[in-house]
Amino acid sequence: PLLDMQRAVRWLRFHSEDYGFDPDKIALFGGSAGGYQAAGFLNLLQGKNQFPEDYTPDEIDMVSDEVSSIGLFYPALTLKYNHGCGFAVFPADEYRNPITRANLLYQYDLPSHITNTTVPQYIAHGTEDMLVTHLGSKEYASRLEAKGGDVVYTEVEGANHIFTSNPDYAWVFEEYLDWLEAHF
């Protein structure tokens, strides 16, 4: 999936003139698992080519995969606090093995693998999220900030997962849009 994200960003940049937008103003947005997708791409793959052996790169693959910002809502940035989700992500027999599980948890733990501090990031997470605890987002934002990254972390008091469908929390999306506009 991260390679798909990379290809999509490059495709957008390649076709920016066709669609009439500035290729330097591509923002990623992801919620829940999509939040992992956006932040995972940014920290684990952006700027690298990890094509499969049988893949032949084309002219789109030569285009930059840089993005200008990312927005993350209730993102699943780590499985450290959500072990149950690990069974949905990895083969159960591998995840049951304590050594393999520890390796997988570390390998895919984004707070432990922050490599991009130059792309501004907005993160919003509910304090009552029963699917993906806010602790992972809080840890990620704290580590990103400690490394000098440009991050806004908004903790949404009382909000559960997918709080964006609740009109009481519409202000969070408005705050994100204001933040996004300020970065463009």
N, C-alpha and C. Protein backbone atom coordinates (compact mmCIF):
# COMPACT_ATOMS: atom_id res chain seq x y z
N PRO A 1 0.80 -1.22 0.00
CA PRO A 1 0.00 0.00 0.00
C PRO A 1 0.84 1.29 0.00
N LEU A 2 2.02 1.24 0.64
CA LEU A 2 2.86 2.44 0.65
C LEU A 2 3.40 2.73 -0.75
N LEU A 3 3.68 1.68 -1.51
CA LEU A 3 4.12 1.87 -2.90
C LEU A 3 2.98 2.47 -3.73
N ASP A 4 1.76 2.07 -3.45
CA ASP A 4 0.60 2.66 -4.14
C ASP A 4 0.50 4.15 -3.83
N MET A 5 0.74 4.51 -2.58
CA MET A 5 0.71 5.92 -2.18
C MET A 5 1.79 6.69 -2.92
N GLN A 6 2.98 6.12 -2.98
CA GLN A 6 4.08 6.78 -3.68
C GLN A 6 3.73 6.98 -5.16
N ARG A 7 3.19 5.95 -5.77
CA ARG A 7 2.81 6.05 -7.19
C ARG A 7 1.74 7.12 -7.38
N ALA A 8 0.77 7.18 -6.49
CA ALA A 8 -0.30 8.18 -6.61
C ALA A 8 0.25 9.60 -6.52
N VAL A 9 1.17 9.84 -5.60
CA VAL A 9 1.76 11.18 -5.46
C VAL A 9 2.54 11.52 -6.72
N ARG A 10 3.32 10.58 -7.20
CA ARG A 10 4.10 10.83 -8.41
C ARG A 10 3.18 11.05 -9.62
N TRP A 11 2.11 10.28 -9.70
CA TRP A 11 1.17 10.41 -10.80
C TRP A 11 0.54 11.81 -10.78
N LEU A 12 0.15 12.27 -9.59
CA LEU A 12 -0.42 13.61 -9.46
C LEU A 12 0.59 14.67 -9.91
N ARG A 13 1.81 14.55 -9.45
CA ARG A 13 2.84 15.53 -9.85
C ARG A 13 3.04 15.50 -11.37
N PHE A 14 3.12 14.31 -11.92
CA PHE A 14 3.35 14.13 -13.36
C PHE A 14 2.23 14.78 -14.17
N HIS A 15 1.00 14.67 -13.68
CA HIS A 15 -0.16 15.18 -14.40
C HIS A 15 -0.67 16.53 -13.89
N SER A 16 0.09 17.21 -13.06
CA SER A 16 -0.38 18.47 -12.46
C SER A 16 -0.71 19.52 -13.51
N GLU A 17 0.07 19.60 -14.56
CA GLU A 17 -0.21 20.58 -15.62
C GLU A 17 -1.52 20.24 -16.33
N ASP A 18 -1.77 18.95 -16.55
CA ASP A 18 -3.01 18.53 -17.22
C ASP A 18 -4.24 18.95 -16.43
N TYR A 19 -4.11 18.93 -15.10
CA TYR A 19 -5.25 19.25 -14.24
C TYR A 19 -5.19 20.66 -13.66
N GLY A 20 -4.12 21.38 -13.94
CA GLY A 20 -4.03 22.78 -13.56
C GLY A 20 -3.84 23.05 -12.08
N PHE A 21 -2.97 22.31 -11.42
CA PHE A 21 -2.68 22.60 -10.01
C PHE A 21 -1.17 22.61 -9.79
N ASP A 22 -0.79 23.23 -8.71
CA ASP A 22 0.62 23.36 -8.35
C ASP A 22 1.12 22.03 -7.78
N PRO A 23 2.09 21.40 -8.42
CA PRO A 23 2.59 20.11 -7.93
C PRO A 23 3.28 20.19 -6.57
N ASP A 24 3.61 21.42 -6.15
CA ASP A 24 4.23 21.59 -4.84
C ASP A 24 3.19 21.79 -3.74
N LYS A 25 1.92 21.61 -4.08
CA LYS A 25 0.84 21.74 -3.10
C LYS A 25 0.00 20.47 -3.06
N ILE A 26 0.66 19.37 -2.83
CA ILE A 26 -0.04 18.10 -2.68
C ILE A 26 -0.02 17.75 -1.19
N ALA A 27 -1.20 17.62 -0.63
CA ALA A 27 -1.34 17.26 0.78
C ALA A 27 -1.95 15.88 0.88
N LEU A 28 -1.52 15.12 1.85
CA LEU A 28 -2.11 13.82 2.13
C LEU A 28 -3.02 13.95 3.34
N PHE A 29 -4.10 13.20 3.33
CA PHE A 29 -5.02 13.17 4.46
C PHE A 29 -5.41 11.72 4.68
N GLY A 30 -5.37 11.29 5.94
CA GLY A 30 -5.78 9.93 6.23
C GLY A 30 -6.40 9.81 7.60
N GLY A 31 -7.42 8.99 7.68
CA GLY A 31 -8.06 8.70 8.96
C GLY A 31 -7.92 7.23 9.28
N SER A 32 -7.69 6.92 10.54
CA SER A 32 -7.56 5.55 11.03
C SER A 32 -6.41 4.83 10.30
N ALA A 33 -6.71 3.74 9.61
CA ALA A 33 -5.65 3.03 8.88
C ALA A 33 -5.07 3.91 7.77
N GLY A 34 -5.89 4.80 7.21
CA GLY A 34 -5.40 5.74 6.20
C GLY A 34 -4.41 6.73 6.79
N GLY A 35 -4.54 6.99 8.09
CA GLY A 35 -3.56 7.83 8.77
C GLY A 35 -2.20 7.15 8.82
N TYR A 36 -2.25 5.83 9.07
CA TYR A 36 -0.99 5.09 9.03
C TYR A 36 -0.41 5.13 7.63
N GLN A 37 -1.28 4.98 6.63
CA GLN A 37 -0.84 4.98 5.24
C GLN A 37 -0.10 6.28 4.91
N ALA A 38 -0.68 7.41 5.28
CA ALA A 38 -0.06 8.71 4.98
C ALA A 38 1.25 8.89 5.75
N ALA A 39 1.21 8.67 7.06
CA ALA A 39 2.41 8.86 7.88
C ALA A 39 3.46 7.78 7.60
N GLY A 40 3.00 6.57 7.30
CA GLY A 40 3.94 5.50 6.95
C GLY A 40 4.67 5.81 5.66
N PHE A 41 3.93 6.30 4.67
CA PHE A 41 4.58 6.71 3.42
C PHE A 41 5.62 7.78 3.69
N LEU A 42 5.22 8.79 4.46
CA LEU A 42 6.10 9.92 4.73
C LEU A 42 7.40 9.49 5.42
N ASN A 43 7.29 8.58 6.38
CA ASN A 43 8.45 8.22 7.20
C ASN A 43 9.19 6.96 6.76
N LEU A 44 8.53 6.06 6.07
CA LEU A 44 9.16 4.80 5.72
C LEU A 44 9.56 4.69 4.24
N LEU A 45 8.90 5.46 3.37
CA LEU A 45 9.14 5.25 1.94
C LEU A 45 9.48 6.50 1.15
N GLN A 46 8.95 7.65 1.53
CA GLN A 46 9.15 8.84 0.70
C GLN A 46 10.63 9.07 0.40
N GLY A 47 10.90 9.34 -0.87
CA GLY A 47 12.28 9.59 -1.30
C GLY A 47 13.07 8.34 -1.61
N LYS A 48 12.44 7.18 -1.47
CA LYS A 48 13.13 5.91 -1.73
C LYS A 48 12.39 5.16 -2.83
N ASN A 49 13.12 4.36 -3.54
CA ASN A 49 12.51 3.48 -4.53
C ASN A 49 12.71 2.04 -4.06
N GLN A 50 11.60 1.39 -3.76
CA GLN A 50 11.65 0.00 -3.32
C GLN A 50 10.74 -0.83 -4.21
N PHE A 51 11.02 -0.76 -5.49
CA PHE A 51 10.19 -1.46 -6.46
C PHE A 51 10.40 -2.98 -6.38
N PRO A 52 9.37 -3.74 -6.68
CA PRO A 52 9.54 -5.20 -6.76
C PRO A 52 10.55 -5.56 -7.85
N GLU A 53 11.18 -6.72 -7.71
CA GLU A 53 12.22 -7.14 -8.67
C GLU A 53 11.74 -7.15 -10.11
N ASP A 54 10.52 -7.58 -10.34
CA ASP A 54 10.02 -7.72 -11.70
C ASP A 54 9.36 -6.45 -12.25
N TYR A 55 9.53 -5.34 -11.55
CA TYR A 55 8.90 -4.08 -11.95
C TYR A 55 9.88 -3.27 -12.80
N THR A 56 9.37 -2.69 -13.88
CA THR A 56 10.17 -1.82 -14.73
C THR A 56 9.70 -0.37 -14.52
N PRO A 57 10.52 0.46 -13.89
CA PRO A 57 10.13 1.86 -13.67
C PRO A 57 9.85 2.60 -14.97
N ASP A 58 8.90 3.50 -14.93
CA ASP A 58 8.58 4.32 -16.10
C ASP A 58 8.85 5.79 -15.78
N GLU A 59 8.43 6.69 -16.66
CA GLU A 59 8.74 8.11 -16.48
C GLU A 59 8.06 8.70 -15.25
N ILE A 60 6.92 8.17 -14.85
CA ILE A 60 6.25 8.66 -13.64
C ILE A 60 7.08 8.34 -12.41
N ASP A 61 7.75 7.20 -12.42
CA ASP A 61 8.58 6.79 -11.27
C ASP A 61 9.81 7.68 -11.09
N MET A 62 10.11 8.50 -12.08
CA MET A 62 11.26 9.41 -11.98
C MET A 62 10.87 10.75 -11.36
N VAL A 63 9.56 10.98 -11.16
CA VAL A 63 9.05 12.23 -10.61
C VAL A 63 9.18 12.20 -9.08
N SER A 64 9.38 13.36 -8.50
CA SER A 64 9.48 13.47 -7.04
C SER A 64 8.20 12.97 -6.36
N ASP A 65 8.37 12.36 -5.20
CA ASP A 65 7.22 11.90 -4.42
C ASP A 65 6.98 12.77 -3.18
N GLU A 66 7.48 14.00 -3.22
CA GLU A 66 7.33 14.91 -2.08
C GLU A 66 5.90 15.41 -1.96
N VAL A 67 5.47 15.58 -0.72
CA VAL A 67 4.18 16.18 -0.42
C VAL A 67 4.41 17.41 0.45
N SER A 68 3.41 18.29 0.48
CA SER A 68 3.60 19.55 1.21
C SER A 68 3.10 19.50 2.65
N SER A 69 2.16 18.60 2.95
CA SER A 69 1.66 18.48 4.32
C SER A 69 0.83 17.19 4.43
N ILE A 70 0.60 16.79 5.68
CA ILE A 70 -0.32 15.67 5.88
C ILE A 70 -1.24 15.98 7.07
N GLY A 71 -2.46 15.50 6.93
CA GLY A 71 -3.43 15.60 8.00
C GLY A 71 -3.82 14.20 8.42
N LEU A 72 -3.83 13.97 9.72
CA LEU A 72 -4.12 12.65 10.27
C LEU A 72 -5.23 12.76 11.30
N PHE A 73 -6.32 12.04 11.08
CA PHE A 73 -7.42 12.01 12.04
C PHE A 73 -7.54 10.60 12.59
N TYR A 74 -7.54 10.49 13.89
CA TYR A 74 -7.60 9.21 14.62
C TYR A 74 -6.75 8.14 13.95
N PRO A 75 -5.47 8.46 13.69
CA PRO A 75 -4.62 7.54 12.94
C PRO A 75 -4.12 6.37 13.79
N ALA A 76 -3.94 5.26 13.14
CA ALA A 76 -3.36 4.07 13.77
C ALA A 76 -1.87 4.09 13.49
N LEU A 77 -1.12 4.85 14.26
CA LEU A 77 0.31 5.05 14.01
C LEU A 77 1.20 4.01 14.67
N THR A 78 0.62 3.24 15.56
CA THR A 78 1.36 2.19 16.24
C THR A 78 0.36 1.13 16.69
N LEU A 79 0.84 -0.09 16.80
CA LEU A 79 0.01 -1.17 17.35
C LEU A 79 0.36 -1.42 18.81
N LYS A 80 1.32 -0.68 19.31
CA LYS A 80 1.80 -0.86 20.67
C LYS A 80 0.66 -0.85 21.69
N TYR A 81 -0.31 0.03 21.48
CA TYR A 81 -1.41 0.16 22.43
C TYR A 81 -2.67 -0.56 21.95
N ASN A 82 -2.59 -1.17 20.79
CA ASN A 82 -3.76 -1.78 20.16
C ASN A 82 -3.41 -3.18 19.64
N HIS A 83 -3.00 -4.06 20.51
CA HIS A 83 -2.56 -5.38 20.06
C HIS A 83 -3.63 -6.14 19.30
N GLY A 84 -4.88 -5.92 19.63
CA GLY A 84 -5.95 -6.63 18.93
C GLY A 84 -5.96 -6.32 17.45
N CYS A 85 -5.59 -5.11 17.09
CA CYS A 85 -5.55 -4.73 15.67
C CYS A 85 -4.43 -5.47 14.93
N GLY A 86 -3.42 -5.92 15.66
CA GLY A 86 -2.33 -6.65 15.02
C GLY A 86 -2.79 -7.91 14.32
N PHE A 87 -3.83 -8.53 14.86
CA PHE A 87 -4.35 -9.74 14.24
C PHE A 87 -5.07 -9.42 12.93
N ALA A 88 -5.52 -8.19 12.76
CA ALA A 88 -6.16 -7.79 11.50
C ALA A 88 -5.13 -7.41 10.45
N VAL A 89 -3.93 -7.07 10.89
CA VAL A 89 -2.90 -6.58 9.99
C VAL A 89 -1.93 -7.68 9.55
N PHE A 90 -1.59 -8.58 10.46
CA PHE A 90 -0.59 -9.61 10.19
C PHE A 90 -1.20 -11.00 10.28
N PRO A 91 -0.57 -11.99 9.65
CA PRO A 91 -1.06 -13.37 9.81
C PRO A 91 -1.08 -13.75 11.30
N ALA A 92 -2.18 -14.33 11.75
CA ALA A 92 -2.38 -14.63 13.17
C ALA A 92 -1.28 -15.52 13.74
N ASP A 93 -0.83 -16.52 12.98
CA ASP A 93 0.20 -17.42 13.52
C ASP A 93 1.52 -16.68 13.75
N GLU A 94 1.84 -15.72 12.88
CA GLU A 94 3.05 -14.92 13.08
C GLU A 94 2.88 -13.98 14.28
N TYR A 95 1.71 -13.39 14.39
CA TYR A 95 1.48 -12.40 15.44
C TYR A 95 1.40 -13.05 16.82
N ARG A 96 1.02 -14.32 16.86
CA ARG A 96 0.95 -15.03 18.16
C ARG A 96 2.35 -15.34 18.71
N ASN A 97 3.33 -15.44 17.82
CA ASN A 97 4.70 -15.73 18.24
C ASN A 97 5.28 -14.46 18.88
N PRO A 98 5.65 -14.52 20.17
CA PRO A 98 6.12 -13.30 20.87
C PRO A 98 7.31 -12.61 20.23
N ILE A 99 8.25 -13.37 19.70
CA ILE A 99 9.43 -12.76 19.09
C ILE A 99 9.06 -12.10 17.77
N THR A 100 8.30 -12.80 16.95
CA THR A 100 7.85 -12.23 15.68
C THR A 100 6.99 -11.01 15.93
N ARG A 101 6.08 -11.09 16.90
CA ARG A 101 5.20 -9.96 17.21
C ARG A 101 6.03 -8.74 17.62
N ALA A 102 7.02 -8.94 18.48
CA ALA A 102 7.86 -7.82 18.92
C ALA A 102 8.57 -7.18 17.73
N ASN A 103 9.06 -7.99 16.81
CA ASN A 103 9.73 -7.47 15.62
C ASN A 103 8.76 -6.68 14.73
N LEU A 104 7.57 -7.24 14.53
CA LEU A 104 6.56 -6.56 13.72
C LEU A 104 6.14 -5.24 14.35
N LEU A 105 5.91 -5.27 15.67
CA LEU A 105 5.49 -4.06 16.37
C LEU A 105 6.54 -2.96 16.22
N TYR A 106 7.81 -3.32 16.33
CA TYR A 106 8.86 -2.32 16.18
C TYR A 106 8.98 -1.84 14.73
N GLN A 107 8.98 -2.79 13.79
CA GLN A 107 9.17 -2.45 12.38
C GLN A 107 8.12 -1.48 11.87
N TYR A 108 6.89 -1.62 12.33
CA TYR A 108 5.79 -0.79 11.83
C TYR A 108 5.36 0.30 12.80
N ASP A 109 6.13 0.54 13.83
CA ASP A 109 5.82 1.55 14.84
C ASP A 109 6.32 2.91 14.37
N LEU A 110 5.42 3.75 13.91
CA LEU A 110 5.85 5.04 13.35
C LEU A 110 6.48 5.98 14.37
N PRO A 111 6.03 6.03 15.64
CA PRO A 111 6.75 6.89 16.58
C PRO A 111 8.24 6.53 16.71
N SER A 112 8.59 5.29 16.42
CA SER A 112 9.99 4.86 16.49
C SER A 112 10.74 5.10 15.19
N HIS A 113 10.04 5.48 14.15
CA HIS A 113 10.67 5.60 12.83
C HIS A 113 10.37 6.94 12.17
N ILE A 114 10.42 8.00 12.89
CA ILE A 114 10.19 9.32 12.31
C ILE A 114 11.46 9.74 11.57
N THR A 115 11.33 9.86 10.25
CA THR A 115 12.48 10.25 9.43
C THR A 115 12.24 11.57 8.73
N ASN A 116 11.00 12.01 8.67
CA ASN A 116 10.69 13.24 7.95
C ASN A 116 10.15 14.28 8.93
N THR A 117 10.95 15.30 9.16
CA THR A 117 10.55 16.37 10.07
C THR A 117 10.26 17.66 9.32
N THR A 118 10.38 17.64 8.00
CA THR A 118 10.22 18.87 7.22
C THR A 118 8.79 19.08 6.72
N VAL A 119 8.00 18.03 6.63
CA VAL A 119 6.63 18.15 6.15
C VAL A 119 5.71 18.47 7.33
N PRO A 120 4.99 19.60 7.28
CA PRO A 120 4.07 19.93 8.37
C PRO A 120 2.97 18.88 8.52
N GLN A 121 2.63 18.58 9.78
CA GLN A 121 1.63 17.55 10.05
C GLN A 121 0.60 18.05 11.06
N TYR A 122 -0.66 17.74 10.77
CA TYR A 122 -1.76 18.05 11.67
C TYR A 122 -2.36 16.72 12.11
N ILE A 123 -2.49 16.54 13.41
CA ILE A 123 -3.01 15.28 13.95
C ILE A 123 -4.15 15.60 14.92
N ALA A 124 -5.28 14.92 14.75
CA ALA A 124 -6.40 15.07 15.67
C ALA A 124 -6.84 13.67 16.11
N HIS A 125 -7.03 13.52 17.42
CA HIS A 125 -7.41 12.20 17.94
C HIS A 125 -8.31 12.38 19.16
N GLY A 126 -9.35 11.57 19.22
CA GLY A 126 -10.28 11.61 20.34
C GLY A 126 -9.74 10.90 21.56
N THR A 127 -10.01 11.45 22.74
CA THR A 127 -9.52 10.85 23.98
C THR A 127 -10.29 9.60 24.37
N GLU A 128 -11.47 9.38 23.78
CA GLU A 128 -12.28 8.20 24.10
C GLU A 128 -12.36 7.24 22.93
N ASP A 129 -11.34 7.25 22.08
CA ASP A 129 -11.31 6.36 20.92
C ASP A 129 -11.20 4.92 21.39
N MET A 130 -12.22 4.13 21.14
CA MET A 130 -12.25 2.75 21.62
C MET A 130 -11.62 1.77 20.63
N LEU A 131 -11.27 2.21 19.44
CA LEU A 131 -10.64 1.33 18.46
C LEU A 131 -9.13 1.56 18.39
N VAL A 132 -8.73 2.82 18.29
CA VAL A 132 -7.31 3.19 18.20
C VAL A 132 -7.05 4.25 19.26
N THR A 133 -6.42 3.88 20.32
CA THR A 133 -6.19 4.84 21.41
C THR A 133 -5.39 6.06 20.95
N HIS A 134 -5.68 7.19 21.55
CA HIS A 134 -4.99 8.43 21.22
C HIS A 134 -3.53 8.44 21.69
N LEU A 135 -3.15 7.49 22.52
CA LEU A 135 -1.78 7.48 23.06
C LEU A 135 -0.72 7.37 21.96
N GLY A 136 -1.02 6.61 20.91
CA GLY A 136 -0.07 6.48 19.80
C GLY A 136 0.13 7.80 19.07
N SER A 137 -0.97 8.53 18.84
CA SER A 137 -0.87 9.83 18.18
C SER A 137 -0.12 10.83 19.04
N LYS A 138 -0.41 10.78 20.33
CA LYS A 138 0.25 11.69 21.27
C LYS A 138 1.76 11.42 21.30
N GLU A 139 2.13 10.15 21.34
CA GLU A 139 3.55 9.78 21.35
C GLU A 139 4.23 10.20 20.05
N TYR A 140 3.58 9.94 18.92
CA TYR A 140 4.13 10.30 17.62
C TYR A 140 4.35 11.82 17.54
N ALA A 141 3.32 12.59 17.92
CA ALA A 141 3.42 14.05 17.86
C ALA A 141 4.53 14.56 18.77
N SER A 142 4.63 13.99 19.94
CA SER A 142 5.66 14.40 20.89
C SER A 142 7.06 14.12 20.35
N ARG A 143 7.25 12.95 19.77
CA ARG A 143 8.57 12.60 19.23
C ARG A 143 8.90 13.45 18.00
N LEU A 144 7.88 13.69 17.17
CA LEU A 144 8.09 14.53 15.99
C LEU A 144 8.49 15.94 16.41
N GLU A 145 7.79 16.48 17.39
CA GLU A 145 8.11 17.82 17.89
C GLU A 145 9.52 17.86 18.50
N ALA A 146 9.89 16.82 19.23
CA ALA A 146 11.22 16.75 19.84
C ALA A 146 12.33 16.73 18.79
N LYS A 147 12.01 16.22 17.61
CA LYS A 147 12.99 16.18 16.52
C LYS A 147 12.97 17.46 15.69
N GLY A 148 12.15 18.43 16.11
CA GLY A 148 12.09 19.70 15.39
C GLY A 148 11.04 19.74 14.30
N GLY A 149 10.15 18.77 14.26
CA GLY A 149 9.11 18.74 13.24
C GLY A 149 8.01 19.75 13.50
N ASP A 150 7.36 20.15 12.42
CA ASP A 150 6.24 21.08 12.47
C ASP A 150 4.98 20.26 12.62
N VAL A 151 4.42 20.21 13.84
CA VAL A 151 3.25 19.38 14.11
C VAL A 151 2.27 20.11 15.01
N VAL A 152 1.00 19.93 14.68
CA VAL A 152 -0.08 20.38 15.55
C VAL A 152 -0.81 19.12 15.97
N TYR A 153 -0.91 18.93 17.27
CA TYR A 153 -1.64 17.78 17.81
C TYR A 153 -2.86 18.30 18.56
N THR A 154 -4.02 17.91 18.09
CA THR A 154 -5.27 18.32 18.72
C THR A 154 -5.92 17.10 19.36
N GLU A 155 -5.99 17.14 20.67
CA GLU A 155 -6.67 16.07 21.41
C GLU A 155 -8.13 16.48 21.56
N VAL A 156 -9.02 15.63 21.07
CA VAL A 156 -10.44 15.96 21.05
C VAL A 156 -11.10 15.26 22.24
N GLU A 157 -11.33 16.05 23.26
CA GLU A 157 -11.86 15.52 24.53
C GLU A 157 -13.22 14.84 24.32
N GLY A 158 -13.28 13.58 24.76
CA GLY A 158 -14.52 12.82 24.73
C GLY A 158 -14.87 12.18 23.40
N ALA A 159 -14.10 12.43 22.36
CA ALA A 159 -14.42 11.89 21.03
C ALA A 159 -13.97 10.45 20.88
N ASN A 160 -14.79 9.68 20.20
CA ASN A 160 -14.50 8.28 19.88
C ASN A 160 -13.88 8.22 18.49
N HIS A 161 -13.71 7.02 17.97
CA HIS A 161 -13.16 6.82 16.63
C HIS A 161 -14.15 7.38 15.60
N ILE A 162 -13.63 7.86 14.51
CA ILE A 162 -14.42 8.44 13.42
C ILE A 162 -15.36 9.54 13.94
N PHE A 163 -14.81 10.39 14.77
CA PHE A 163 -15.61 11.48 15.35
C PHE A 163 -16.04 12.51 14.33
N THR A 164 -15.46 12.48 13.14
CA THR A 164 -15.79 13.47 12.13
C THR A 164 -17.24 13.35 11.66
N SER A 165 -17.89 12.22 11.93
CA SER A 165 -19.30 12.10 11.55
C SER A 165 -20.23 12.70 12.61
N ASN A 166 -19.66 13.16 13.73
CA ASN A 166 -20.43 13.75 14.81
C ASN A 166 -20.37 15.28 14.68
N PRO A 167 -21.52 15.95 14.50
CA PRO A 167 -21.50 17.41 14.32
C PRO A 167 -20.90 18.18 15.51
N ASP A 168 -20.88 17.56 16.69
CA ASP A 168 -20.27 18.23 17.84
C ASP A 168 -18.78 18.47 17.67
N TYR A 169 -18.17 17.72 16.75
CA TYR A 169 -16.73 17.82 16.55
C TYR A 169 -16.37 18.42 15.20
N ALA A 170 -17.33 19.06 14.54
CA ALA A 170 -17.07 19.69 13.24
C ALA A 170 -15.96 20.73 13.34
N TRP A 171 -15.81 21.32 14.51
CA TRP A 171 -14.79 22.35 14.71
C TRP A 171 -13.39 21.82 14.44
N VAL A 172 -13.18 20.51 14.66
CA VAL A 172 -11.84 19.94 14.45
C VAL A 172 -11.49 19.98 12.98
N PHE A 173 -12.43 19.59 12.13
CA PHE A 173 -12.16 19.62 10.70
C PHE A 173 -11.98 21.06 10.22
N GLU A 174 -12.74 21.97 10.77
CA GLU A 174 -12.57 23.39 10.42
C GLU A 174 -11.18 23.88 10.83
N GLU A 175 -10.74 23.46 12.01
CA GLU A 175 -9.39 23.83 12.48
C GLU A 175 -8.34 23.27 11.53
N TYR A 176 -8.54 22.03 11.09
CA TYR A 176 -7.60 21.42 10.14
C TYR A 176 -7.58 22.21 8.83
N LEU A 177 -8.75 22.55 8.30
CA LEU A 177 -8.81 23.30 7.04
C LEU A 177 -8.13 24.66 7.17
N ASP A 178 -8.31 25.34 8.30
CA ASP A 178 -7.61 26.61 8.54
C ASP A 178 -6.11 26.40 8.56
N TRP A 179 -5.67 25.32 9.23
CA TRP A 179 -4.24 24.99 9.30
C TRP A 179 -3.71 24.70 7.90
N LEU A 180 -4.47 23.93 7.13
CA LEU A 180 -4.06 23.58 5.77
C LEU A 180 -3.94 24.82 4.89
N GLU A 181 -4.90 25.70 4.99
CA GLU A 181 -4.87 26.93 4.22
C GLU A 181 -3.65 27.78 4.59
N ALA A 182 -3.32 27.82 5.86
CA ALA A 182 -2.15 28.58 6.30
C ALA A 182 -0.85 28.00 5.74
N HIS A 183 -0.83 26.70 5.49
CA HIS A 183 0.37 26.06 4.95
C HIS A 183 0.45 26.10 3.44
N PHE A 184 -0.61 26.53 2.79
CA PHE A 184 -0.59 26.68 1.35
C PHE A 184 -0.50 28.15 1.01
